[in-house]
Amino acid sequence: MDKIELIKNIMTEFAEDTGLSGSNRPKRRYLWTDAFGVCNFLGPYRRTGEQKWLELALLLVDQVHI
């Protein structure tokens, strides 16, 4: 598995575990991990151009600012 695939897998799991996407889990927001999460979602977006990663970054920012 290459690095970008590993990052994508980790960040998908983060999104699901914290209730950001794809699960019925309650939303859990923590400023520090979410700040890193935004940066880490933007990495795959910049490398692949897949819109999903930009959308997750923006969704996370929106949830933090509620």
PDB file of N, CA and C in Angstrom:
ATOM      1  N   MET A   1       0.858  -1.183   0.000  1.00  0.00           N
ATOM      2  CA  MET A   1       0.000   0.000   0.000  1.00  0.00           C
ATOM      3  C   MET A   1       0.899   1.238   0.000  1.00  0.00           C
ATOM      4  N   ASP A   2       0.620   2.163  -0.900  1.00  0.00           N
ATOM      5  CA  ASP A   2       1.438   3.375  -0.924  1.00  0.00           C
ATOM      6  C   ASP A   2       0.965   4.362   0.143  1.00  0.00           C
ATOM      7  N   LYS A   3       1.750   5.395   0.337  1.00  0.00           N
ATOM      8  CA  LYS A   3       1.491   6.348   1.427  1.00  0.00           C
ATOM      9  C   LYS A   3       0.140   7.036   1.311  1.00  0.00           C
ATOM     10  N   ILE A   4      -0.225   7.443   0.111  1.00  0.00           N
ATOM     11  CA  ILE A   4      -1.490   8.176  -0.043  1.00  0.00           C
ATOM     12  C   ILE A   4      -2.679   7.265   0.275  1.00  0.00           C
ATOM     13  N   GLU A   5      -2.594   6.002  -0.092  1.00  0.00           N
ATOM     14  CA  GLU A   5      -3.676   5.066   0.234  1.00  0.00           C
ATOM     15  C   GLU A   5      -3.767   4.853   1.744  1.00  0.00           C
ATOM     16  N   LEU A   6      -2.630   4.776   2.400  1.00  0.00           N
ATOM     17  CA  LEU A   6      -2.609   4.639   3.857  1.00  0.00           C
ATOM     18  C   LEU A   6      -3.254   5.854   4.517  1.00  0.00           C
ATOM     19  N   ILE A   7      -2.904   7.043   4.051  1.00  0.00           N
ATOM     20  CA  ILE A   7      -3.488   8.279   4.592  1.00  0.00           C
ATOM     21  C   ILE A   7      -4.995   8.291   4.361  1.00  0.00           C
ATOM     22  N   LYS A   8      -5.421   7.920   3.171  1.00  0.00           N
ATOM     23  CA  LYS A   8      -6.852   7.904   2.870  1.00  0.00           C
ATOM     24  C   LYS A   8      -7.598   6.929   3.775  1.00  0.00           C
ATOM     25  N   ASN A   9      -7.020   5.773   4.030  1.00  0.00           N
ATOM     26  CA  ASN A   9      -7.656   4.796   4.922  1.00  0.00           C
ATOM     27  C   ASN A   9      -7.748   5.328   6.345  1.00  0.00           C
ATOM     28  N   ILE A  10      -6.674   5.914   6.833  1.00  0.00           N
ATOM     29  CA  ILE A  10      -6.672   6.467   8.197  1.00  0.00           C
ATOM     30  C   ILE A  10      -7.699   7.583   8.329  1.00  0.00           C
ATOM     31  N   MET A  11      -7.753   8.469   7.346  1.00  0.00           N
ATOM     32  CA  MET A  11      -8.665   9.605   7.432  1.00  0.00           C
ATOM     33  C   MET A  11     -10.126   9.193   7.250  1.00  0.00           C
ATOM     34  N   THR A  12     -10.369   8.156   6.449  1.00  0.00           N
ATOM     35  CA  THR A  12     -11.728   7.630   6.331  1.00  0.00           C
ATOM     36  C   THR A  12     -12.174   7.066   7.670  1.00  0.00           C
ATOM     37  N   GLU A  13     -11.294   6.339   8.332  1.00  0.00           N
ATOM     38  CA  GLU A  13     -11.607   5.796   9.649  1.00  0.00           C
ATOM     39  C   GLU A  13     -11.833   6.912  10.666  1.00  0.00           C
ATOM     40  N   PHE A  14     -11.018   7.960  10.624  1.00  0.00           N
ATOM     41  CA  PHE A  14     -11.191   9.112  11.514  1.00  0.00           C
ATOM     42  C   PHE A  14     -12.576   9.734  11.305  1.00  0.00           C
ATOM     43  N   ALA A  15     -12.968   9.935  10.042  1.00  0.00           N
ATOM     44  CA  ALA A  15     -14.262  10.546   9.742  1.00  0.00           C
ATOM     45  C   ALA A  15     -15.405   9.694  10.276  1.00  0.00           C
ATOM     46  N   GLU A  16     -15.301   8.387  10.128  1.00  0.00           N
ATOM     47  CA  GLU A  16     -16.356   7.505  10.609  1.00  0.00           C
ATOM     48  C   GLU A  16     -16.376   7.431  12.134  1.00  0.00           C
ATOM     49  N   ASP A  17     -15.201   7.293  12.752  1.00  0.00           N
ATOM     50  CA  ASP A  17     -15.115   7.150  14.210  1.00  0.00           C
ATOM     51  C   ASP A  17     -15.590   8.392  14.965  1.00  0.00           C
ATOM     52  N   THR A  18     -15.419   9.555  14.378  1.00  0.00           N
ATOM     53  CA  THR A  18     -15.794  10.795  15.067  1.00  0.00           C
ATOM     54  C   THR A  18     -17.152  11.330  14.636  1.00  0.00           C
ATOM     55  N   GLY A  19     -17.879  10.540  13.836  1.00  0.00           N
ATOM     56  CA  GLY A  19     -19.223  10.937  13.430  1.00  0.00           C
ATOM     57  C   GLY A  19     -19.265  11.984  12.338  1.00  0.00           C
ATOM     58  N   LEU A  20     -18.151  12.201  11.665  1.00  0.00           N
ATOM     59  CA  LEU A  20     -18.126  13.195  10.589  1.00  0.00           C
ATOM     60  C   LEU A  20     -18.868  12.679   9.364  1.00  0.00           C
ATOM     61  N   SER A  21     -18.694  11.403   9.053  1.00  0.00           N
ATOM     62  CA  SER A  21     -19.375  10.859   7.878  1.00  0.00           C
ATOM     63  C   SER A  21     -19.536   9.349   7.988  1.00  0.00           C
ATOM     64  N   GLY A  22     -20.477   8.846   7.225  1.00  0.00           N
ATOM     65  CA  GLY A  22     -20.635   7.424   7.011  1.00  0.00           C
ATOM     66  C   GLY A  22     -20.989   6.573   8.213  1.00  0.00           C
ATOM     67  N   SER A  23     -21.426   7.173   9.282  1.00  0.00           N
ATOM     68  CA  SER A  23     -21.798   6.345  10.427  1.00  0.00           C
ATOM     69  C   SER A  23     -22.917   7.021  11.207  1.00  0.00           C
ATOM     70  N   ASN A  24     -23.511   6.236  12.067  1.00  0.00           N
ATOM     71  CA  ASN A  24     -24.566   6.779  12.942  1.00  0.00           C
ATOM     72  C   ASN A  24     -24.000   7.149  14.300  1.00  0.00           C
ATOM     73  N   ARG A  25     -22.703   7.212  14.386  1.00  0.00           N
ATOM     74  CA  ARG A  25     -22.070   7.551  15.657  1.00  0.00           C
ATOM     75  C   ARG A  25     -22.288   9.021  15.982  1.00  0.00           C
ATOM     76  N   PRO A  26     -22.343   9.338  17.277  1.00  0.00           N
ATOM     77  CA  PRO A  26     -22.484  10.754  17.645  1.00  0.00           C
ATOM     78  C   PRO A  26     -21.259  11.552  17.200  1.00  0.00           C
ATOM     79  N   LYS A  27     -21.504  12.788  16.878  1.00  0.00           N
ATOM     80  CA  LYS A  27     -20.404  13.663  16.464  1.00  0.00           C
ATOM     81  C   LYS A  27     -19.539  14.003  17.677  1.00  0.00           C
ATOM     82  N   ARG A  28     -18.241  13.788  17.536  1.00  0.00           N
ATOM     83  CA  ARG A  28     -17.292  14.108  18.606  1.00  0.00           C
ATOM     84  C   ARG A  28     -16.276  15.082  18.038  1.00  0.00           C
ATOM     85  N   ARG A  29     -16.247  16.264  18.575  1.00  0.00           N
ATOM     86  CA  ARG A  29     -15.328  17.276  18.082  1.00  0.00           C
ATOM     87  C   ARG A  29     -14.312  17.613  19.172  1.00  0.00           C
ATOM     88  N   TYR A  30     -13.049  17.613  18.801  1.00  0.00           N
ATOM     89  CA  TYR A  30     -11.944  18.016  19.671  1.00  0.00           C
ATOM     90  C   TYR A  30     -11.062  18.943  18.850  1.00  0.00           C
ATOM     91  N   LEU A  31     -10.861  20.131  19.339  1.00  0.00           N
ATOM     92  CA  LEU A  31     -10.189  21.171  18.564  1.00  0.00           C
ATOM     93  C   LEU A  31      -8.849  20.723  17.980  1.00  0.00           C
ATOM     94  N   TRP A  32      -8.000  20.130  18.801  1.00  0.00           N
ATOM     95  CA  TRP A  32      -6.656  19.787  18.317  1.00  0.00           C
ATOM     96  C   TRP A  32      -6.692  18.698  17.261  1.00  0.00           C
ATOM     97  N   THR A  33      -7.407  17.620  17.516  1.00  0.00           N
ATOM     98  CA  THR A  33      -7.438  16.549  16.518  1.00  0.00           C
ATOM     99  C   THR A  33      -8.177  17.002  15.260  1.00  0.00           C
ATOM    100  N   ASP A  34      -9.186  17.836  15.421  1.00  0.00           N
ATOM    101  CA  ASP A  34      -9.904  18.331  14.249  1.00  0.00           C
ATOM    102  C   ASP A  34      -9.042  19.268  13.409  1.00  0.00           C
ATOM    103  N   ALA A  35      -8.199  20.066  14.048  1.00  0.00           N
ATOM    104  CA  ALA A  35      -7.291  20.942  13.296  1.00  0.00           C
ATOM    105  C   ALA A  35      -6.336  20.101  12.443  1.00  0.00           C
ATOM    106  N   PHE A  36      -5.792  19.056  13.042  1.00  0.00           N
ATOM    107  CA  PHE A  36      -4.936  18.153  12.272  1.00  0.00           C
ATOM    108  C   PHE A  36      -5.745  17.429  11.205  1.00  0.00           C
ATOM    109  N   GLY A  37      -6.982  17.082  11.540  1.00  0.00           N
ATOM    110  CA  GLY A  37      -7.843  16.402  10.580  1.00  0.00           C
ATOM    111  C   GLY A  37      -8.073  17.229   9.324  1.00  0.00           C
ATOM    112  N   VAL A  38      -8.332  18.515   9.483  1.00  0.00           N
ATOM    113  CA  VAL A  38      -8.538  19.389   8.318  1.00  0.00           C
ATOM    114  C   VAL A  38      -7.297  19.351   7.418  1.00  0.00           C
ATOM    115  N   CYS A  39      -6.141  19.513   8.019  1.00  0.00           N
ATOM    116  CA  CYS A  39      -4.893  19.469   7.236  1.00  0.00           C
ATOM    117  C   CYS A  39      -4.719  18.117   6.561  1.00  0.00           C
ATOM    118  N   ASN A  40      -5.040  17.056   7.293  1.00  0.00           N
ATOM    119  CA  ASN A  40      -4.852  15.719   6.745  1.00  0.00           C
ATOM    120  C   ASN A  40      -5.878  15.359   5.678  1.00  0.00           C
ATOM    121  N   PHE A  41      -7.051  15.980   5.678  1.00  0.00           N
ATOM    122  CA  PHE A  41      -7.993  15.801   4.588  1.00  0.00           C
ATOM    123  C   PHE A  41      -7.525  16.554   3.339  1.00  0.00           C
ATOM    124  N   LEU A  42      -6.889  17.683   3.542  1.00  0.00           N
ATOM    125  CA  LEU A  42      -6.434  18.469   2.393  1.00  0.00           C
ATOM    126  C   LEU A  42      -5.260  17.819   1.665  1.00  0.00           C
ATOM    127  N   GLY A  43      -4.470  17.014   2.382  1.00  0.00           N
ATOM    128  CA  GLY A  43      -3.342  16.325   1.745  1.00  0.00           C
ATOM    129  C   GLY A  43      -3.788  15.403   0.618  1.00  0.00           C
ATOM    130  N   PRO A  44      -4.705  14.463   0.891  1.00  0.00           N
ATOM    131  CA  PRO A  44      -5.181  13.602  -0.203  1.00  0.00           C
ATOM    132  C   PRO A  44      -5.875  14.390  -1.310  1.00  0.00           C
ATOM    133  N   TYR A  45      -6.575  15.466  -0.941  1.00  0.00           N
ATOM    134  CA  TYR A  45      -7.219  16.294  -1.969  1.00  0.00           C
ATOM    135  C   TYR A  45      -6.176  16.889  -2.913  1.00  0.00           C
ATOM    136  N   ARG A  46      -5.109  17.425  -2.342  1.00  0.00           N
ATOM    137  CA  ARG A  46      -4.061  18.030  -3.175  1.00  0.00           C
ATOM    138  C   ARG A  46      -3.344  16.990  -4.034  1.00  0.00           C
ATOM    139  N   ARG A  47      -3.164  15.787  -3.497  1.00  0.00           N
ATOM    140  CA  ARG A  47      -2.449  14.739  -4.227  1.00  0.00           C
ATOM    141  C   ARG A  47      -3.288  14.075  -5.307  1.00  0.00           C
ATOM    142  N   THR A  48      -4.605  13.921  -5.049  1.00  0.00           N
ATOM    143  CA  THR A  48      -5.443  13.156  -5.970  1.00  0.00           C
ATOM    144  C   THR A  48      -6.460  14.003  -6.719  1.00  0.00           C
ATOM    145  N   GLY A  49      -6.806  15.163  -6.154  1.00  0.00           N
ATOM    146  CA  GLY A  49      -7.851  15.984  -6.754  1.00  0.00           C
ATOM    147  C   GLY A  49      -9.251  15.459  -6.495  1.00  0.00           C
ATOM    148  N   GLU A  50      -9.372  14.406  -5.658  1.00  0.00           N
ATOM    149  CA  GLU A  50     -10.685  13.840  -5.359  1.00  0.00           C
ATOM    150  C   GLU A  50     -11.459  14.803  -4.459  1.00  0.00           C
ATOM    151  N   GLN A  51     -12.598  15.236  -4.943  1.00  0.00           N
ATOM    152  CA  GLN A  51     -13.424  16.238  -4.265  1.00  0.00           C
ATOM    153  C   GLN A  51     -13.850  15.799  -2.875  1.00  0.00           C
ATOM    154  N   LYS A  52     -13.995  14.489  -2.669  1.00  0.00           N
ATOM    155  CA  LYS A  52     -14.425  13.938  -1.382  1.00  0.00           C
ATOM    156  C   LYS A  52     -13.592  14.486  -0.230  1.00  0.00           C
ATOM    157  N   TRP A  53     -12.287  14.600  -0.422  1.00  0.00           N
ATOM    158  CA  TRP A  53     -11.387  15.012   0.655  1.00  0.00           C
ATOM    159  C   TRP A  53     -11.552  16.488   0.982  1.00  0.00           C
ATOM    160  N   LEU A  54     -11.762  17.316  -0.020  1.00  0.00           N
ATOM    161  CA  LEU A  54     -12.029  18.738   0.217  1.00  0.00           C
ATOM    162  C   LEU A  54     -13.362  18.905   0.945  1.00  0.00           C
ATOM    163  N   GLU A  55     -14.365  18.141   0.537  1.00  0.00           N
ATOM    164  CA  GLU A  55     -15.672  18.218   1.176  1.00  0.00           C
ATOM    165  C   GLU A  55     -15.600  17.816   2.642  1.00  0.00           C
ATOM    166  N   LEU A  56     -14.821  16.772   2.953  1.00  0.00           N
ATOM    167  CA  LEU A  56     -14.664  16.367   4.351  1.00  0.00           C
ATOM    168  C   LEU A  56     -13.957  17.447   5.161  1.00  0.00           C
ATOM    169  N   ALA A  57     -12.949  18.073   4.587  1.00  0.00           N
ATOM    170  CA  ALA A  57     -12.244  19.152   5.285  1.00  0.00           C
ATOM    171  C   ALA A  57     -13.199  20.300   5.593  1.00  0.00           C
ATOM    172  N   LEU A  58     -13.992  20.694   4.611  1.00  0.00           N
ATOM    173  CA  LEU A  58     -14.938  21.799   4.809  1.00  0.00           C
ATOM    174  C   LEU A  58     -16.046  21.425   5.792  1.00  0.00           C
ATOM    175  N   LEU A  59     -16.524  20.187   5.730  1.00  0.00           N
ATOM    176  CA  LEU A  59     -17.539  19.724   6.669  1.00  0.00           C
ATOM    177  C   LEU A  59     -17.001  19.758   8.093  1.00  0.00           C
ATOM    178  N   LEU A  60     -15.768  19.351   8.264  1.00  0.00           N
ATOM    179  CA  LEU A  60     -15.160  19.361   9.593  1.00  0.00           C
ATOM    180  C   LEU A  60     -15.032  20.793  10.118  1.00  0.00           C
ATOM    181  N   VAL A  61     -14.608  21.712   9.284  1.00  0.00           N
ATOM    182  CA  VAL A  61     -14.518  23.114   9.695  1.00  0.00           C
ATOM    183  C   VAL A  61     -15.902  23.618  10.100  1.00  0.00           C
ATOM    184  N   ASP A  62     -16.922  23.291   9.315  1.00  0.00           N
ATOM    185  CA  ASP A  62     -18.285  23.728   9.644  1.00  0.00           C
ATOM    186  C   ASP A  62     -18.735  23.169  10.989  1.00  0.00           C
ATOM    187  N   GLN A  63     -18.447  21.903  11.264  1.00  0.00           N
ATOM    188  CA  GLN A  63     -18.873  21.307  12.521  1.00  0.00           C
ATOM    189  C   GLN A  63     -18.148  21.908  13.723  1.00  0.00           C
ATOM    190  N   VAL A  64     -16.901  22.245  13.545  1.00  0.00           N
ATOM    191  CA  VAL A  64     -16.124  22.829  14.640  1.00  0.00           C
ATOM    192  C   VAL A  64     -16.650  24.213  14.998  1.00  0.00           C
ATOM    193  N   HIS A  65     -17.136  24.945  13.999  1.00  0.00           N
ATOM    194  CA  HIS A  65     -17.577  26.324  14.226  1.00  0.00           C
ATOM    195  C   HIS A  65     -19.049  26.441  14.597  1.00  0.00           C
ATOM    196  N   ILE A  66     -19.705  25.339  14.869  1.00  0.00           N
ATOM    197  CA  ILE A  66     -21.126  25.394  15.270  1.00  0.00           C
ATOM    198  C   ILE A  66     -21.222  25.700  16.738  1.00  0.00           C
TER     199      ILE A  66
END
